[in-house]
Amino acid sequence: MFLVRRLAVAGLVAAAAVPAVPTAALAHGAPVTPISRSAACGGNGSKTGAVACVAARKATGGRLGAYDNVRLAGVNGADRERVPDGELCSAGIALYRGLDLPRDDFPATGVRPGQRLAVSYRGTIPHRGSFRIYLTKTGYDASEKLTWDDLGAEPLAEITDPPLTGGAYRMRVTLPQRTGRHLLYVVWETSSTPDTYYSCSDLVFPAPAVKKAAVKKTAKPSPSVTPQEPEPVAEETPETTEAPEPSDTPTLAAIGASDDGTITLGHWLIVGALTTAALVTAGAGVTRMRRLKKG
């Protein structure tokens, strides 16, 4: 019995001498709103059947690591030194390199400029720390791998120790003016563990407005101005030459005048004939008057 007691005490002493196992491995997390590439495509992801997710797994040798474990230890804020350009979404971890593919078909969230974007960051165990939230700059090209220069020097927001509600850290950030496809990059540096987590969330802003070609319109007259009507054009009457009325008196010039204006013999004959006729007519009239008187 004494021996049993000594063994039990020895066991307790040995157990007390073993250091506590660090809980850093349990401090996992990733954005689920807007959905991150790891939460969509990684192990236990919600959209693993998406075309881009299938390609990401293929690029990683057939599988991706757990969605909430894209983390590095001992970074201590030196993110740009530890995470290489072109490997920001995977944090340079080979098990997640498929998340770095430059594609425009990863599951995305539609947003708009000026929006107070709600960020829901799933956390397994509560841990204190800060979140640095970046957005790709104007002119970002989704067909190229993400670099630190694409994010600019300063984050959109830095939020320390947000509350954990319903299993997620909940934050809001105001989105600046952007168009087209962009990436929201979130760095979670925990202060209660040596770990820092990295994630990429695809966002789609409205496409730039297309200017329509101006259509030239005919100016309409002001209501106060009456449109001027064209003046009527008089129809032109074709010129006609009227035939001269017949005359009992022959035209001398036509019959008896020569080209040099001298009187011809024919003229004299006509004059004589006319004179004779006039005398005969006058004589007949006188004879008639005499008969009337006698009667």
C-alpha atoms as a PDB file:
ATOM      1  CA  MET A   1       0.000   0.000   0.000  1.00  0.00           C
ATOM      2  CA  PHE A   2       2.870   2.277   0.821  1.00  0.00           C
ATOM      3  CA  LEU A   3       4.416   1.477  -2.560  1.00  0.00           C
ATOM      4  CA  VAL A   4       1.214   2.401  -4.366  1.00  0.00           C
ATOM      5  CA  ARG A   5       1.085   5.714  -2.610  1.00  0.00           C
ATOM      6  CA  ARG A   6       4.684   6.490  -3.559  1.00  0.00           C
ATOM      7  CA  LEU A   7       3.995   5.667  -7.211  1.00  0.00           C
ATOM      8  CA  ALA A   8       0.933   7.914  -7.239  1.00  0.00           C
ATOM      9  CA  VAL A   9       2.884  10.807  -5.774  1.00  0.00           C
ATOM     10  CA  ALA A  10       5.681  10.242  -8.273  1.00  0.00           C
ATOM     11  CA  GLY A  11       3.131  10.320 -11.081  1.00  0.00           C
ATOM     12  CA  LEU A  12       1.727  13.628  -9.915  1.00  0.00           C
ATOM     13  CA  VAL A  13       5.158  15.159  -9.699  1.00  0.00           C
ATOM     14  CA  ALA A  14       6.041  13.958 -13.204  1.00  0.00           C
ATOM     15  CA  ALA A  15       2.824  15.388 -14.598  1.00  0.00           C
ATOM     16  CA  ALA A  16       3.473  18.726 -12.973  1.00  0.00           C
ATOM     17  CA  ALA A  17       6.948  18.784 -14.517  1.00  0.00           C
ATOM     18  CA  VAL A  18       5.599  18.470 -18.130  1.00  0.00           C
ATOM     19  CA  PRO A  19       5.108  21.937 -19.725  1.00  0.00           C
ATOM     20  CA  ALA A  20       1.648  22.866 -20.931  1.00  0.00           C
ATOM     21  CA  VAL A  21       0.980  22.193 -24.612  1.00  0.00           C
ATOM     22  CA  PRO A  22       0.624  25.527 -26.461  1.00  0.00           C
ATOM     23  CA  THR A  23      -2.854  26.191 -27.843  1.00  0.00           C
ATOM     24  CA  ALA A  24      -1.677  28.169 -30.891  1.00  0.00           C
ATOM     25  CA  ALA A  25      -2.735  25.346 -33.195  1.00  0.00           C
ATOM     26  CA  LEU A  26      -6.330  25.846 -32.058  1.00  0.00           C
ATOM     27  CA  ALA A  27      -6.351  29.557 -32.872  1.00  0.00           C
ATOM     28  CA  HIS A  28      -7.668  29.130 -36.378  1.00  0.00           C
ATOM     29  CA  GLY A  29      -9.760  31.490 -38.467  1.00  0.00           C
ATOM     30  CA  ALA A  30     -10.682  32.833 -41.904  1.00  0.00           C
ATOM     31  CA  PRO A  31     -13.195  35.319 -43.376  1.00  0.00           C
ATOM     32  CA  VAL A  32     -16.502  33.750 -44.333  1.00  0.00           C
ATOM     33  CA  THR A  33     -18.109  37.106 -45.251  1.00  0.00           C
ATOM     34  CA  PRO A  34     -17.018  38.264 -47.749  1.00  0.00           C
ATOM     35  CA  ILE A  35     -16.076  34.700 -48.470  1.00  0.00           C
ATOM     36  CA  SER A  36     -12.336  34.088 -48.680  1.00  0.00           C
ATOM     37  CA  ARG A  37     -10.656  31.759 -51.136  1.00  0.00           C
ATOM     38  CA  SER A  38      -9.640  29.412 -48.353  1.00  0.00           C
ATOM     39  CA  ALA A  39     -13.184  29.315 -46.862  1.00  0.00           C
ATOM     40  CA  ALA A  40     -14.584  28.603 -50.324  1.00  0.00           C
ATOM     41  CA  CYS A  41     -12.026  26.135 -51.666  1.00  0.00           C
ATOM     42  CA  GLY A  42      -9.980  24.744 -48.747  1.00  0.00           C
ATOM     43  CA  GLY A  43     -10.631  21.632 -46.698  1.00  0.00           C
ATOM     44  CA  ASN A  44     -14.223  21.840 -45.363  1.00  0.00           C
ATOM     45  CA  GLY A  45     -14.767  24.804 -47.698  1.00  0.00           C
ATOM     46  CA  SER A  46     -18.292  25.767 -48.698  1.00  0.00           C
ATOM     47  CA  LYS A  47     -17.776  26.063 -52.487  1.00  0.00           C
ATOM     48  CA  THR A  48     -15.211  23.411 -53.292  1.00  0.00           C
ATOM     49  CA  GLY A  49     -17.027  22.476 -56.509  1.00  0.00           C
ATOM     50  CA  ALA A  50     -16.425  25.900 -58.114  1.00  0.00           C
ATOM     51  CA  VAL A  51     -14.276  25.769 -61.262  1.00  0.00           C
ATOM     52  CA  ALA A  52     -11.563  27.933 -59.718  1.00  0.00           C
ATOM     53  CA  CYS A  53     -11.545  25.781 -56.562  1.00  0.00           C
ATOM     54  CA  VAL A  54     -11.071  22.626 -58.621  1.00  0.00           C
ATOM     55  CA  ALA A  55      -8.159  24.320 -60.409  1.00  0.00           C
ATOM     56  CA  ALA A  56      -6.708  25.434 -57.054  1.00  0.00           C
ATOM     57  CA  ARG A  57      -6.732  21.870 -55.714  1.00  0.00           C
ATOM     58  CA  LYS A  58      -5.154  20.577 -58.900  1.00  0.00           C
ATOM     59  CA  ALA A  59      -2.370  23.180 -58.630  1.00  0.00           C
ATOM     60  CA  THR A  60      -1.723  22.048 -55.049  1.00  0.00           C
ATOM     61  CA  GLY A  61      -1.372  18.375 -55.869  1.00  0.00           C
ATOM     62  CA  GLY A  62      -5.019  17.374 -55.518  1.00  0.00           C
ATOM     63  CA  ARG A  63      -5.943  18.876 -52.163  1.00  0.00           C
ATOM     64  CA  LEU A  64      -5.869  22.082 -50.105  1.00  0.00           C
ATOM     65  CA  GLY A  65      -5.232  22.435 -46.393  1.00  0.00           C
ATOM     66  CA  ALA A  66      -7.958  23.246 -43.859  1.00  0.00           C
ATOM     67  CA  TYR A  67      -9.752  26.480 -44.708  1.00  0.00           C
ATOM     68  CA  ASP A  68      -8.930  28.162 -41.354  1.00  0.00           C
ATOM     69  CA  ASN A  69      -5.235  27.371 -41.077  1.00  0.00           C
ATOM     70  CA  VAL A  70      -3.399  29.698 -43.495  1.00  0.00           C
ATOM     71  CA  ARG A  71      -0.986  30.925 -40.812  1.00  0.00           C
ATOM     72  CA  LEU A  72       2.652  31.622 -40.085  1.00  0.00           C
ATOM     73  CA  ALA A  73       4.346  31.741 -36.695  1.00  0.00           C
ATOM     74  CA  GLY A  74       6.725  34.399 -35.452  1.00  0.00           C
ATOM     75  CA  VAL A  75       6.058  37.012 -38.115  1.00  0.00           C
ATOM     76  CA  ASN A  76       5.758  39.857 -35.605  1.00  0.00           C
ATOM     77  CA  GLY A  77       4.402  42.357 -38.130  1.00  0.00           C
ATOM     78  CA  ALA A  78       7.073  41.728 -40.790  1.00  0.00           C
ATOM     79  CA  ASP A  79       4.483  40.505 -43.292  1.00  0.00           C
ATOM     80  CA  ARG A  80       6.140  41.944 -46.402  1.00  0.00           C
ATOM     81  CA  GLU A  81       9.432  40.273 -45.529  1.00  0.00           C
ATOM     82  CA  ARG A  82       7.940  36.870 -44.725  1.00  0.00           C
ATOM     83  CA  VAL A  83       5.284  36.575 -47.442  1.00  0.00           C
ATOM     84  CA  PRO A  84       6.650  36.761 -51.022  1.00  0.00           C
ATOM     85  CA  ASP A  85       4.957  38.708 -53.850  1.00  0.00           C
ATOM     86  CA  GLY A  86       2.670  36.440 -55.856  1.00  0.00           C
ATOM     87  CA  GLU A  87       2.070  34.209 -52.800  1.00  0.00           C
ATOM     88  CA  LEU A  88       0.000  36.480 -50.582  1.00  0.00           C
ATOM     89  CA  CYS A  89      -3.177  34.359 -50.658  1.00  0.00           C
ATOM     90  CA  SER A  90      -1.276  31.213 -49.614  1.00  0.00           C
ATOM     91  CA  ALA A  91       1.113  33.074 -47.254  1.00  0.00           C
ATOM     92  CA  GLY A  92       3.850  31.194 -49.097  1.00  0.00           C
ATOM     93  CA  ILE A  93       2.619  27.846 -47.724  1.00  0.00           C
ATOM     94  CA  ALA A  94       2.886  25.052 -50.302  1.00  0.00           C
ATOM     95  CA  LEU A  95      -0.327  23.353 -49.127  1.00  0.00           C
ATOM     96  CA  TYR A  96      -2.306  26.449 -50.212  1.00  0.00           C
ATOM     97  CA  ARG A  97      -0.448  27.603 -53.327  1.00  0.00           C
ATOM     98  CA  GLY A  98      -3.508  26.961 -55.504  1.00  0.00           C
ATOM     99  CA  LEU A  99      -5.139  29.995 -53.839  1.00  0.00           C
ATOM    100  CA  ASP A 100      -2.576  32.228 -55.570  1.00  0.00           C
ATOM    101  CA  LEU A 101      -3.822  31.409 -59.081  1.00  0.00           C
ATOM    102  CA  PRO A 102      -4.537  34.612 -61.040  1.00  0.00           C
ATOM    103  CA  ARG A 103      -8.151  33.890 -61.945  1.00  0.00           C
ATOM    104  CA  ASP A 104     -11.327  35.961 -62.152  1.00  0.00           C
ATOM    105  CA  ASP A 105     -13.742  33.135 -61.333  1.00  0.00           C
ATOM    106  CA  PHE A 106     -13.060  32.428 -57.666  1.00  0.00           C
ATOM    107  CA  PRO A 107     -16.292  32.705 -55.611  1.00  0.00           C
ATOM    108  CA  ALA A 108     -16.806  36.432 -55.068  1.00  0.00           C
ATOM    109  CA  THR A 109     -18.988  38.944 -53.243  1.00  0.00           C
ATOM    110  CA  GLY A 110     -20.716  41.810 -55.052  1.00  0.00           C
ATOM    111  CA  VAL A 111     -20.086  45.205 -53.448  1.00  0.00           C
ATOM    112  CA  ARG A 112     -20.294  48.930 -54.291  1.00  0.00           C
ATOM    113  CA  PRO A 113     -18.162  52.021 -53.584  1.00  0.00           C
ATOM    114  CA  GLY A 114     -18.960  53.741 -50.282  1.00  0.00           C
ATOM    115  CA  GLN A 115     -20.474  50.590 -48.803  1.00  0.00           C
ATOM    116  CA  ARG A 116     -19.892  49.816 -45.133  1.00  0.00           C
ATOM    117  CA  LEU A 117     -18.807  46.264 -45.808  1.00  0.00           C
ATOM    118  CA  ALA A 118     -19.542  43.759 -43.044  1.00  0.00           C
ATOM    119  CA  VAL A 119     -16.597  41.442 -42.395  1.00  0.00           C
ATOM    120  CA  SER A 120     -17.302  38.213 -40.545  1.00  0.00           C
ATOM    121  CA  TYR A 121     -14.086  36.416 -39.604  1.00  0.00           C
ATOM    122  CA  ARG A 122     -14.673  32.908 -38.302  1.00  0.00           C
ATOM    123  CA  GLY A 123     -12.665  32.182 -35.124  1.00  0.00           C
ATOM    124  CA  THR A 124     -12.398  28.765 -33.484  1.00  0.00           C
ATOM    125  CA  ILE A 125     -11.098  29.935 -30.110  1.00  0.00           C
ATOM    126  CA  PRO A 126     -11.193  33.544 -28.842  1.00  0.00           C
ATOM    127  CA  HIS A 127      -7.854  35.295 -29.103  1.00  0.00           C
ATOM    128  CA  ARG A 128      -6.804  38.853 -28.742  1.00  0.00           C
ATOM    129  CA  GLY A 129      -5.159  40.537 -31.674  1.00  0.00           C
ATOM    130  CA  SER A 130      -5.513  43.039 -34.508  1.00  0.00           C
ATOM    131  CA  PHE A 131      -6.922  42.846 -38.021  1.00  0.00           C
ATOM    132  CA  ARG A 132      -5.308  44.784 -40.882  1.00  0.00           C
ATOM    133  CA  ILE A 133      -7.671  45.030 -43.843  1.00  0.00           C
ATOM    134  CA  TYR A 134      -6.336  45.992 -47.295  1.00  0.00           C
ATOM    135  CA  LEU A 135      -7.993  46.503 -50.682  1.00  0.00           C
ATOM    136  CA  THR A 136      -6.262  46.303 -54.050  1.00  0.00           C
ATOM    137  CA  LYS A 137      -5.599  49.658 -55.674  1.00  0.00           C
ATOM    138  CA  THR A 138      -7.314  51.167 -58.710  1.00  0.00           C
ATOM    139  CA  GLY A 139      -5.948  49.466 -61.812  1.00  0.00           C
ATOM    140  CA  TYR A 140      -5.503  46.063 -60.165  1.00  0.00           C
ATOM    141  CA  ASP A 141      -5.335  43.311 -62.778  1.00  0.00           C
ATOM    142  CA  ALA A 142      -6.970  40.041 -61.713  1.00  0.00           C
ATOM    143  CA  SER A 143      -5.035  38.210 -64.427  1.00  0.00           C
ATOM    144  CA  GLU A 144      -1.808  38.830 -62.485  1.00  0.00           C
ATOM    145  CA  LYS A 145      -0.743  37.328 -59.159  1.00  0.00           C
ATOM    146  CA  LEU A 146      -1.281  39.560 -56.130  1.00  0.00           C
ATOM    147  CA  THR A 147       1.696  41.596 -54.906  1.00  0.00           C
ATOM    148  CA  TRP A 148       2.214  43.877 -51.929  1.00  0.00           C
ATOM    149  CA  ASP A 149       2.404  46.850 -54.261  1.00  0.00           C
ATOM    150  CA  ASP A 150      -1.162  46.049 -55.421  1.00  0.00           C
ATOM    151  CA  LEU A 151      -2.329  46.712 -51.854  1.00  0.00           C
ATOM    152  CA  GLY A 152      -0.633  50.046 -51.262  1.00  0.00           C
ATOM    153  CA  ALA A 153       1.346  51.078 -48.205  1.00  0.00           C
ATOM    154  CA  GLU A 154      -1.499  51.475 -45.714  1.00  0.00           C
ATOM    155  CA  PRO A 155      -4.527  49.306 -44.875  1.00  0.00           C
ATOM    156  CA  LEU A 156      -8.078  50.573 -45.248  1.00  0.00           C
ATOM    157  CA  ALA A 157      -8.601  49.872 -41.580  1.00  0.00           C
ATOM    158  CA  GLU A 158      -6.870  48.345 -38.577  1.00  0.00           C
ATOM    159  CA  ILE A 159      -9.183  46.951 -35.903  1.00  0.00           C
ATOM    160  CA  THR A 160      -7.939  45.691 -32.568  1.00  0.00           C
ATOM    161  CA  ASP A 161      -9.766  43.127 -30.436  1.00  0.00           C
ATOM    162  CA  PRO A 162     -13.190  43.156 -32.138  1.00  0.00           C
ATOM    163  CA  PRO A 163     -15.896  41.204 -30.268  1.00  0.00           C
ATOM    164  CA  LEU A 164     -16.434  37.534 -31.026  1.00  0.00           C
ATOM    165  CA  THR A 165     -20.171  37.079 -31.656  1.00  0.00           C
ATOM    166  CA  GLY A 166     -21.763  33.854 -32.837  1.00  0.00           C
ATOM    167  CA  GLY A 167     -18.381  32.274 -33.434  1.00  0.00           C
ATOM    168  CA  ALA A 168     -17.028  35.113 -35.603  1.00  0.00           C
ATOM    169  CA  TYR A 169     -15.197  38.403 -35.215  1.00  0.00           C
ATOM    170  CA  ARG A 170     -17.458  41.045 -36.746  1.00  0.00           C
ATOM    171  CA  MET A 171     -16.169  44.282 -38.235  1.00  0.00           C
ATOM    172  CA  ARG A 172     -17.093  46.900 -40.835  1.00  0.00           C
ATOM    173  CA  VAL A 173     -14.950  48.801 -43.297  1.00  0.00           C
ATOM    174  CA  THR A 174     -15.904  51.535 -45.777  1.00  0.00           C
ATOM    175  CA  LEU A 175     -15.043  50.682 -49.369  1.00  0.00           C
ATOM    176  CA  PRO A 176     -13.495  53.387 -51.579  1.00  0.00           C
ATOM    177  CA  GLN A 177     -14.207  54.016 -55.265  1.00  0.00           C
ATOM    178  CA  ARG A 178     -13.354  51.004 -57.401  1.00  0.00           C
ATOM    179  CA  THR A 179     -14.691  49.265 -60.493  1.00  0.00           C
ATOM    180  CA  GLY A 180     -14.509  45.652 -61.559  1.00  0.00           C
ATOM    181  CA  ARG A 181     -12.808  42.817 -59.718  1.00  0.00           C
ATOM    182  CA  HIS A 182     -10.627  43.388 -56.617  1.00  0.00           C
ATOM    183  CA  LEU A 183      -9.220  41.534 -53.601  1.00  0.00           C
ATOM    184  CA  LEU A 184      -9.810  42.246 -49.931  1.00  0.00           C
ATOM    185  CA  TYR A 185      -6.684  41.105 -48.076  1.00  0.00           C
ATOM    186  CA  VAL A 186      -6.983  40.473 -44.344  1.00  0.00           C
ATOM    187  CA  VAL A 187      -4.056  39.960 -41.961  1.00  0.00           C
ATOM    188  CA  TRP A 188      -4.939  38.752 -38.458  1.00  0.00           C
ATOM    189  CA  GLU A 189      -1.998  39.121 -36.097  1.00  0.00           C
ATOM    190  CA  THR A 190      -2.857  37.527 -32.780  1.00  0.00           C
ATOM    191  CA  SER A 191      -1.345  38.946 -29.616  1.00  0.00           C
ATOM    192  CA  SER A 192      -2.047  35.939 -27.395  1.00  0.00           C
ATOM    193  CA  THR A 193      -0.255  33.499 -29.741  1.00  0.00           C
ATOM    194  CA  PRO A 194       2.758  33.837 -32.066  1.00  0.00           C
ATOM    195  CA  ASP A 195       0.588  33.258 -35.170  1.00  0.00           C
ATOM    196  CA  THR A 196      -0.491  35.523 -37.998  1.00  0.00           C
ATOM    197  CA  TYR A 197      -3.237  34.521 -40.473  1.00  0.00           C
ATOM    198  CA  TYR A 198      -3.643  35.612 -44.099  1.00  0.00           C
ATOM    199  CA  SER A 199      -6.606  35.529 -46.479  1.00  0.00           C
ATOM    200  CA  CYS A 200      -7.878  36.786 -49.858  1.00  0.00           C
ATOM    201  CA  SER A 201     -11.566  37.571 -50.484  1.00  0.00           C
ATOM    202  CA  ASP A 202     -12.680  38.306 -54.040  1.00  0.00           C
ATOM    203  CA  LEU A 203     -14.910  41.377 -54.494  1.00  0.00           C
ATOM    204  CA  VAL A 204     -16.746  42.567 -57.585  1.00  0.00           C
ATOM    205  CA  PHE A 205     -17.551  46.271 -57.916  1.00  0.00           C
ATOM    206  CA  PRO A 206     -19.924  47.571 -60.605  1.00  0.00           C
ATOM    207  CA  ALA A 207     -18.321  47.851 -64.021  1.00  0.00           C
ATOM    208  CA  PRO A 208     -17.394  51.348 -65.217  1.00  0.00           C
ATOM    209  CA  ALA A 209     -20.230  53.193 -66.908  1.00  0.00           C
ATOM    210  CA  VAL A 210     -20.078  53.172 -70.704  1.00  0.00           C
ATOM    211  CA  LYS A 211     -20.614  56.586 -72.243  1.00  0.00           C
ATOM    212  CA  LYS A 212     -23.114  56.511 -75.073  1.00  0.00           C
ATOM    213  CA  ALA A 213     -22.301  58.423 -78.237  1.00  0.00           C
ATOM    214  CA  ALA A 214     -24.154  61.719 -78.348  1.00  0.00           C
ATOM    215  CA  VAL A 215     -26.928  61.789 -80.918  1.00  0.00           C
ATOM    216  CA  LYS A 216     -27.221  65.102 -82.732  1.00  0.00           C
ATOM    217  CA  LYS A 217     -30.785  66.313 -82.563  1.00  0.00           C
ATOM    218  CA  THR A 218     -32.428  68.952 -84.751  1.00  0.00           C
ATOM    219  CA  ALA A 219     -33.236  72.002 -82.686  1.00  0.00           C
ATOM    220  CA  LYS A 220     -36.937  72.526 -82.236  1.00  0.00           C
ATOM    221  CA  PRO A 221     -38.382  76.067 -82.563  1.00  0.00           C
ATOM    222  CA  SER A 222     -39.293  77.814 -79.357  1.00  0.00           C
ATOM    223  CA  PRO A 223     -43.032  77.633 -78.545  1.00  0.00           C
ATOM    224  CA  SER A 224     -43.110  81.421 -78.619  1.00  0.00           C
ATOM    225  CA  VAL A 225     -41.892  81.484 -82.195  1.00  0.00           C
ATOM    226  CA  THR A 226     -44.215  80.523 -84.970  1.00  0.00           C
ATOM    227  CA  PRO A 227     -42.447  78.661 -87.698  1.00  0.00           C
ATOM    228  CA  GLN A 228     -42.240  80.720 -90.828  1.00  0.00           C
ATOM    229  CA  GLU A 229     -44.178  79.264 -93.761  1.00  0.00           C
ATOM    230  CA  PRO A 230     -42.563  79.470 -97.186  1.00  0.00           C
ATOM    231  CA  GLU A 231     -44.039  82.123 -99.479  1.00  0.00           C
ATOM    232  CA  PRO A 232     -46.142  80.702-102.324  1.00  0.00           C
ATOM    233  CA  VAL A 233     -44.374  80.708-105.640  1.00  0.00           C
ATOM    234  CA  ALA A 234     -46.485  81.993-108.556  1.00  0.00           C
ATOM    235  CA  GLU A 235     -46.726  79.544-111.341  1.00  0.00           C
ATOM    236  CA  GLU A 236     -45.239  80.842-114.525  1.00  0.00           C
ATOM    237  CA  THR A 237     -47.732  81.092-117.388  1.00  0.00           C
ATOM    238  CA  PRO A 238     -46.152  80.057-120.638  1.00  0.00           C
ATOM    239  CA  GLU A 239     -45.925  82.959-123.036  1.00  0.00           C
ATOM    240  CA  THR A 240     -48.430  82.722-125.909  1.00  0.00           C
ATOM    241  CA  THR A 241     -48.641  84.753-129.047  1.00  0.00           C
ATOM    242  CA  GLU A 242     -52.223  85.755-129.845  1.00  0.00           C
ATOM    243  CA  ALA A 243     -53.244  85.736-133.481  1.00  0.00           C
ATOM    244  CA  PRO A 244     -54.150  89.239-134.714  1.00  0.00           C
ATOM    245  CA  GLU A 245     -57.848  89.927-135.193  1.00  0.00           C
ATOM    246  CA  PRO A 246     -58.894  89.919-138.843  1.00  0.00           C
ATOM    247  CA  SER A 247     -59.225  93.400-140.350  1.00  0.00           C
ATOM    248  CA  ASP A 248     -61.322  94.544-143.258  1.00  0.00           C
ATOM    249  CA  THR A 249     -58.554  96.899-144.301  1.00  0.00           C
ATOM    250  CA  PRO A 250     -55.645  95.217-145.990  1.00  0.00           C
ATOM    251  CA  THR A 251     -52.233  96.018-144.586  1.00  0.00           C
ATOM    252  CA  LEU A 252     -50.460  98.050-147.154  1.00  0.00           C
ATOM    253  CA  ALA A 253     -47.022  97.375-145.921  1.00  0.00           C
ATOM    254  CA  ALA A 254     -47.597  93.662-146.223  1.00  0.00           C
ATOM    255  CA  ILE A 255     -48.901  93.849-149.744  1.00  0.00           C
ATOM    256  CA  GLY A 256     -47.359  96.819-151.503  1.00  0.00           C
ATOM    257  CA  ALA A 257     -44.311  97.945-149.644  1.00  0.00           C
ATOM    258  CA  SER A 258     -40.916  96.879-150.891  1.00  0.00           C
ATOM    259  CA  ASP A 259     -37.909  96.225-148.683  1.00  0.00           C
ATOM    260  CA  ASP A 260     -36.545  99.744-149.289  1.00  0.00           C
ATOM    261  CA  GLY A 261     -39.871 101.453-148.354  1.00  0.00           C
ATOM    262  CA  THR A 262     -40.899 102.586-151.894  1.00  0.00           C
ATOM    263  CA  ILE A 263     -44.479 102.248-153.127  1.00  0.00           C
ATOM    264  CA  THR A 264     -44.915  99.591-155.769  1.00  0.00           C
ATOM    265  CA  LEU A 265     -47.313  99.396-158.711  1.00  0.00           C
ATOM    266  CA  GLY A 266     -49.350  96.812-156.915  1.00  0.00           C
ATOM    267  CA  HIS A 267     -49.959  99.356-154.207  1.00  0.00           C
ATOM    268  CA  TRP A 268     -51.397 101.860-156.615  1.00  0.00           C
ATOM    269  CA  LEU A 269     -53.690  99.283-158.159  1.00  0.00           C
ATOM    270  CA  ILE A 270     -55.101  98.412-154.767  1.00  0.00           C
ATOM    271  CA  VAL A 271     -55.611 102.060-153.842  1.00  0.00           C
ATOM    272  CA  GLY A 272     -57.436 102.653-157.084  1.00  0.00           C
ATOM    273  CA  ALA A 273     -59.700  99.702-156.583  1.00  0.00           C
ATOM    274  CA  LEU A 274     -60.567 100.832-153.099  1.00  0.00           C
ATOM    275  CA  THR A 275     -61.311 104.346-154.295  1.00  0.00           C
ATOM    276  CA  THR A 276     -63.604 103.086-157.053  1.00  0.00           C
ATOM    277  CA  ALA A 277     -65.487 100.908-154.615  1.00  0.00           C
ATOM    278  CA  ALA A 278     -65.970 103.826-152.283  1.00  0.00           C
ATOM    279  CA  LEU A 279     -67.339 106.030-155.076  1.00  0.00           C
ATOM    280  CA  VAL A 280     -69.781 103.367-156.199  1.00  0.00           C
ATOM    281  CA  THR A 281     -71.026 102.931-152.667  1.00  0.00           C
ATOM    282  CA  ALA A 282     -71.458 106.666-152.202  1.00  0.00           C
ATOM    283  CA  GLY A 283     -73.368 106.977-155.506  1.00  0.00           C
ATOM    284  CA  ALA A 284     -75.713 104.210-154.555  1.00  0.00           C
ATOM    285  CA  GLY A 285     -76.455 105.959-151.311  1.00  0.00           C
ATOM    286  CA  VAL A 286     -77.274 109.240-153.022  1.00  0.00           C
ATOM    287  CA  THR A 287     -79.606 107.531-155.521  1.00  0.00           C
ATOM    288  CA  ARG A 288     -81.469 105.880-152.650  1.00  0.00           C
ATOM    289  CA  MET A 289     -81.975 109.159-150.855  1.00  0.00           C
ATOM    290  CA  ARG A 290     -83.453 110.769-153.953  1.00  0.00           C
ATOM    291  CA  ARG A 291     -85.996 107.959-154.361  1.00  0.00           C
ATOM    292  CA  LEU A 292     -87.057 108.365-150.782  1.00  0.00           C
ATOM    293  CA  LYS A 293     -87.646 112.057-151.260  1.00  0.00           C
ATOM    294  CA  LYS A 294     -89.731 111.527-154.403  1.00  0.00           C
ATOM    295  CA  GLY A 295     -91.803 108.902-152.802  1.00  0.00           C
END
